[in-house]
């Protein structure tokens, strides 16, 4: 078989939900949107309680900088915090497991965790 191209898609083994489309797509597939929103529950900025369904899905490492469209590089941020993240002096690290580590322009550090599993 001689395929001209192929698309790598990572799926959750039990449900088949899409967890990653890597660098093949910027737009977040519905299954992946659902997984990130369920994981996060709310905006992931420290102290923000806006529900995930009302938030943007943000690539923690920007797509233009080589970021991937996957569960380990996406987080729910309300529009205000999504814009704030891009202001000078703000830094956001997204280690595995859905943890977000924020650094403010004055050097304060905050860590947010995903919502606990509902079961």
C-alpha atoms as a PDB file:
ATOM      1  CA  UNK A   1       0.000   0.000   0.000  1.00  0.00           C
ATOM      2  CA  UNK A   2       1.367   3.392  -0.956  1.00  0.00           C
ATOM      3  CA  UNK A   3      -0.502   6.167   0.905  1.00  0.00           C
ATOM      4  CA  UNK A   4       0.228   9.775  -0.150  1.00  0.00           C
ATOM      5  CA  UNK A   5      -0.190  10.941   3.451  1.00  0.00           C
ATOM      6  CA  UNK A   6      -1.612   9.922   6.752  1.00  0.00           C
ATOM      7  CA  UNK A   7      -3.086  11.693   9.777  1.00  0.00           C
ATOM      8  CA  UNK A   8      -2.084  10.672  13.289  1.00  0.00           C
ATOM      9  CA  UNK A   9      -5.080  10.657  15.640  1.00  0.00           C
ATOM     10  CA  UNK A  10      -4.755   9.608  19.290  1.00  0.00           C
ATOM     11  CA  UNK A  11      -7.954   8.205  20.775  1.00  0.00           C
ATOM     12  CA  UNK A  12      -9.040   7.167  24.264  1.00  0.00           C
ATOM     13  CA  UNK A  13      -8.987   3.346  24.105  1.00  0.00           C
ATOM     14  CA  UNK A  14     -12.262   2.669  25.936  1.00  0.00           C
ATOM     15  CA  UNK A  15     -14.470   5.366  24.403  1.00  0.00           C
ATOM     16  CA  UNK A  16     -12.715   6.124  21.129  1.00  0.00           C
ATOM     17  CA  UNK A  17     -12.796   9.862  21.957  1.00  0.00           C
ATOM     18  CA  UNK A  18     -10.204  11.892  20.059  1.00  0.00           C
ATOM     19  CA  UNK A  19      -7.455  13.126  22.419  1.00  0.00           C
ATOM     20  CA  UNK A  20      -4.958  14.444  19.895  1.00  0.00           C
ATOM     21  CA  UNK A  21      -4.693  15.403  16.261  1.00  0.00           C
ATOM     22  CA  UNK A  22      -1.119  16.632  16.734  1.00  0.00           C
ATOM     23  CA  UNK A  23      -0.020  19.233  14.190  1.00  0.00           C
ATOM     24  CA  UNK A  24      -2.493  18.058  11.570  1.00  0.00           C
ATOM     25  CA  UNK A  25      -5.326  20.368  12.637  1.00  0.00           C
ATOM     26  CA  UNK A  26      -5.573  23.675  14.483  1.00  0.00           C
ATOM     27  CA  UNK A  27      -9.340  23.390  14.941  1.00  0.00           C
ATOM     28  CA  UNK A  28     -10.267  21.254  17.961  1.00  0.00           C
ATOM     29  CA  UNK A  29     -12.498  18.245  17.130  1.00  0.00           C
ATOM     30  CA  UNK A  30     -15.745  17.901  19.132  1.00  0.00           C
ATOM     31  CA  UNK A  31     -14.553  14.857  21.147  1.00  0.00           C
ATOM     32  CA  UNK A  32     -11.374  16.670  22.151  1.00  0.00           C
ATOM     33  CA  UNK A  33     -13.319  19.826  23.066  1.00  0.00           C
ATOM     34  CA  UNK A  34     -15.562  17.721  25.301  1.00  0.00           C
ATOM     35  CA  UNK A  35     -12.596  15.979  26.968  1.00  0.00           C
ATOM     36  CA  UNK A  36     -10.801  19.270  27.763  1.00  0.00           C
ATOM     37  CA  UNK A  37     -13.987  20.966  29.033  1.00  0.00           C
ATOM     38  CA  UNK A  38     -14.801  17.970  31.261  1.00  0.00           C
ATOM     39  CA  UNK A  39     -11.251  17.856  32.599  1.00  0.00           C
ATOM     40  CA  UNK A  40     -11.064  21.578  33.336  1.00  0.00           C
ATOM     41  CA  UNK A  41     -14.594  22.334  34.532  1.00  0.00           C
ATOM     42  CA  UNK A  42     -13.885  26.094  34.719  1.00  0.00           C
ATOM     43  CA  UNK A  43     -11.495  28.694  33.353  1.00  0.00           C
ATOM     44  CA  UNK A  44      -8.027  27.561  34.431  1.00  0.00           C
ATOM     45  CA  UNK A  45      -6.778  31.003  35.428  1.00  0.00           C
ATOM     46  CA  UNK A  46      -6.186  31.274  39.191  1.00  0.00           C
ATOM     47  CA  UNK A  47      -9.372  32.292  40.998  1.00  0.00           C
ATOM     48  CA  UNK A  48     -11.650  32.356  37.934  1.00  0.00           C
ATOM     49  CA  UNK A  49     -14.859  30.364  38.150  1.00  0.00           C
ATOM     50  CA  UNK A  50     -16.300  30.851  34.660  1.00  0.00           C
ATOM     51  CA  UNK A  51     -17.691  27.513  33.501  1.00  0.00           C
ATOM     52  CA  UNK A  52     -15.651  25.704  30.845  1.00  0.00           C
ATOM     53  CA  UNK A  53     -18.527  25.716  28.369  1.00  0.00           C
ATOM     54  CA  UNK A  54     -18.261  29.541  28.262  1.00  0.00           C
ATOM     55  CA  UNK A  55     -14.476  29.532  27.750  1.00  0.00           C
ATOM     56  CA  UNK A  56     -12.141  29.508  24.769  1.00  0.00           C
ATOM     57  CA  UNK A  57     -10.036  26.414  24.179  1.00  0.00           C
ATOM     58  CA  UNK A  58      -6.512  27.789  24.201  1.00  0.00           C
ATOM     59  CA  UNK A  59      -3.360  26.182  22.848  1.00  0.00           C
ATOM     60  CA  UNK A  60      -0.924  26.624  25.775  1.00  0.00           C
ATOM     61  CA  UNK A  61       1.982  26.528  23.329  1.00  0.00           C
ATOM     62  CA  UNK A  62       0.655  28.570  20.422  1.00  0.00           C
ATOM     63  CA  UNK A  63      -0.038  26.736  17.171  1.00  0.00           C
ATOM     64  CA  UNK A  64       2.221  29.237  15.371  1.00  0.00           C
ATOM     65  CA  UNK A  65       5.052  28.286  17.761  1.00  0.00           C
ATOM     66  CA  UNK A  66       4.723  24.545  17.064  1.00  0.00           C
ATOM     67  CA  UNK A  67       2.027  23.730  19.616  1.00  0.00           C
ATOM     68  CA  UNK A  68      -0.135  20.679  19.096  1.00  0.00           C
ATOM     69  CA  UNK A  69      -3.887  20.228  19.187  1.00  0.00           C
ATOM     70  CA  UNK A  70      -4.102  17.716  21.992  1.00  0.00           C
ATOM     71  CA  UNK A  71      -5.336  17.269  25.535  1.00  0.00           C
ATOM     72  CA  UNK A  72      -1.883  18.096  26.955  1.00  0.00           C
ATOM     73  CA  UNK A  73      -1.671  21.453  25.147  1.00  0.00           C
ATOM     74  CA  UNK A  74      -5.238  22.732  25.440  1.00  0.00           C
ATOM     75  CA  UNK A  75      -6.898  24.457  28.370  1.00  0.00           C
ATOM     76  CA  UNK A  76     -10.136  26.325  28.999  1.00  0.00           C
ATOM     77  CA  UNK A  77      -9.581  30.052  29.450  1.00  0.00           C
ATOM     78  CA  UNK A  78     -12.320  32.671  29.604  1.00  0.00           C
ATOM     79  CA  UNK A  79     -11.903  35.388  26.992  1.00  0.00           C
ATOM     80  CA  UNK A  80     -10.479  37.844  29.572  1.00  0.00           C
ATOM     81  CA  UNK A  81      -7.777  35.424  30.796  1.00  0.00           C
ATOM     82  CA  UNK A  82      -7.072  34.172  27.270  1.00  0.00           C
ATOM     83  CA  UNK A  83      -6.223  37.741  26.234  1.00  0.00           C
ATOM     84  CA  UNK A  84      -4.346  38.429  29.478  1.00  0.00           C
ATOM     85  CA  UNK A  85      -2.101  35.394  28.905  1.00  0.00           C
ATOM     86  CA  UNK A  86      -0.724  37.077  25.788  1.00  0.00           C
ATOM     87  CA  UNK A  87       0.216  40.330  27.528  1.00  0.00           C
ATOM     88  CA  UNK A  88       3.904  41.041  28.200  1.00  0.00           C
ATOM     89  CA  UNK A  89       5.292  39.432  31.337  1.00  0.00           C
ATOM     90  CA  UNK A  90       2.739  36.619  31.667  1.00  0.00           C
ATOM     91  CA  UNK A  91       3.942  33.028  31.316  1.00  0.00           C
ATOM     92  CA  UNK A  92       1.955  29.810  31.243  1.00  0.00           C
ATOM     93  CA  UNK A  93       3.499  26.345  31.467  1.00  0.00           C
ATOM     94  CA  UNK A  94       1.367  23.277  30.852  1.00  0.00           C
ATOM     95  CA  UNK A  95       3.089  20.153  32.190  1.00  0.00           C
ATOM     96  CA  UNK A  96       1.413  16.755  31.655  1.00  0.00           C
ATOM     97  CA  UNK A  97      -1.736  15.854  33.549  1.00  0.00           C
ATOM     98  CA  UNK A  98      -3.665  19.041  32.906  1.00  0.00           C
ATOM     99  CA  UNK A  99      -1.770  21.141  35.470  1.00  0.00           C
ATOM    100  CA  UNK A 100      -1.234  24.812  34.577  1.00  0.00           C
ATOM    101  CA  UNK A 101       1.593  26.848  36.106  1.00  0.00           C
ATOM    102  CA  UNK A 102       1.138  30.614  35.805  1.00  0.00           C
ATOM    103  CA  UNK A 103       3.767  33.304  36.350  1.00  0.00           C
ATOM    104  CA  UNK A 104       2.589  36.916  36.642  1.00  0.00           C
ATOM    105  CA  UNK A 105       4.536  39.930  35.388  1.00  0.00           C
ATOM    106  CA  UNK A 106       5.717  40.609  38.970  1.00  0.00           C
ATOM    107  CA  UNK A 107       7.054  37.040  39.326  1.00  0.00           C
ATOM    108  CA  UNK A 108       4.279  35.484  41.453  1.00  0.00           C
ATOM    109  CA  UNK A 109       3.568  31.863  40.637  1.00  0.00           C
ATOM    110  CA  UNK A 110       0.233  30.059  40.726  1.00  0.00           C
ATOM    111  CA  UNK A 111      -0.675  26.464  39.954  1.00  0.00           C
ATOM    112  CA  UNK A 112      -4.121  25.325  38.895  1.00  0.00           C
ATOM    113  CA  UNK A 113      -5.259  21.712  38.804  1.00  0.00           C
ATOM    114  CA  UNK A 114      -7.987  20.167  36.668  1.00  0.00           C
ATOM    115  CA  UNK A 115     -11.353  19.493  38.296  1.00  0.00           C
ATOM    116  CA  UNK A 116     -11.390  16.259  40.287  1.00  0.00           C
ATOM    117  CA  UNK A 117     -12.991  13.355  38.421  1.00  0.00           C
ATOM    118  CA  UNK A 118     -16.760  13.331  39.049  1.00  0.00           C
ATOM    119  CA  UNK A 119     -16.756   9.652  40.021  1.00  0.00           C
END
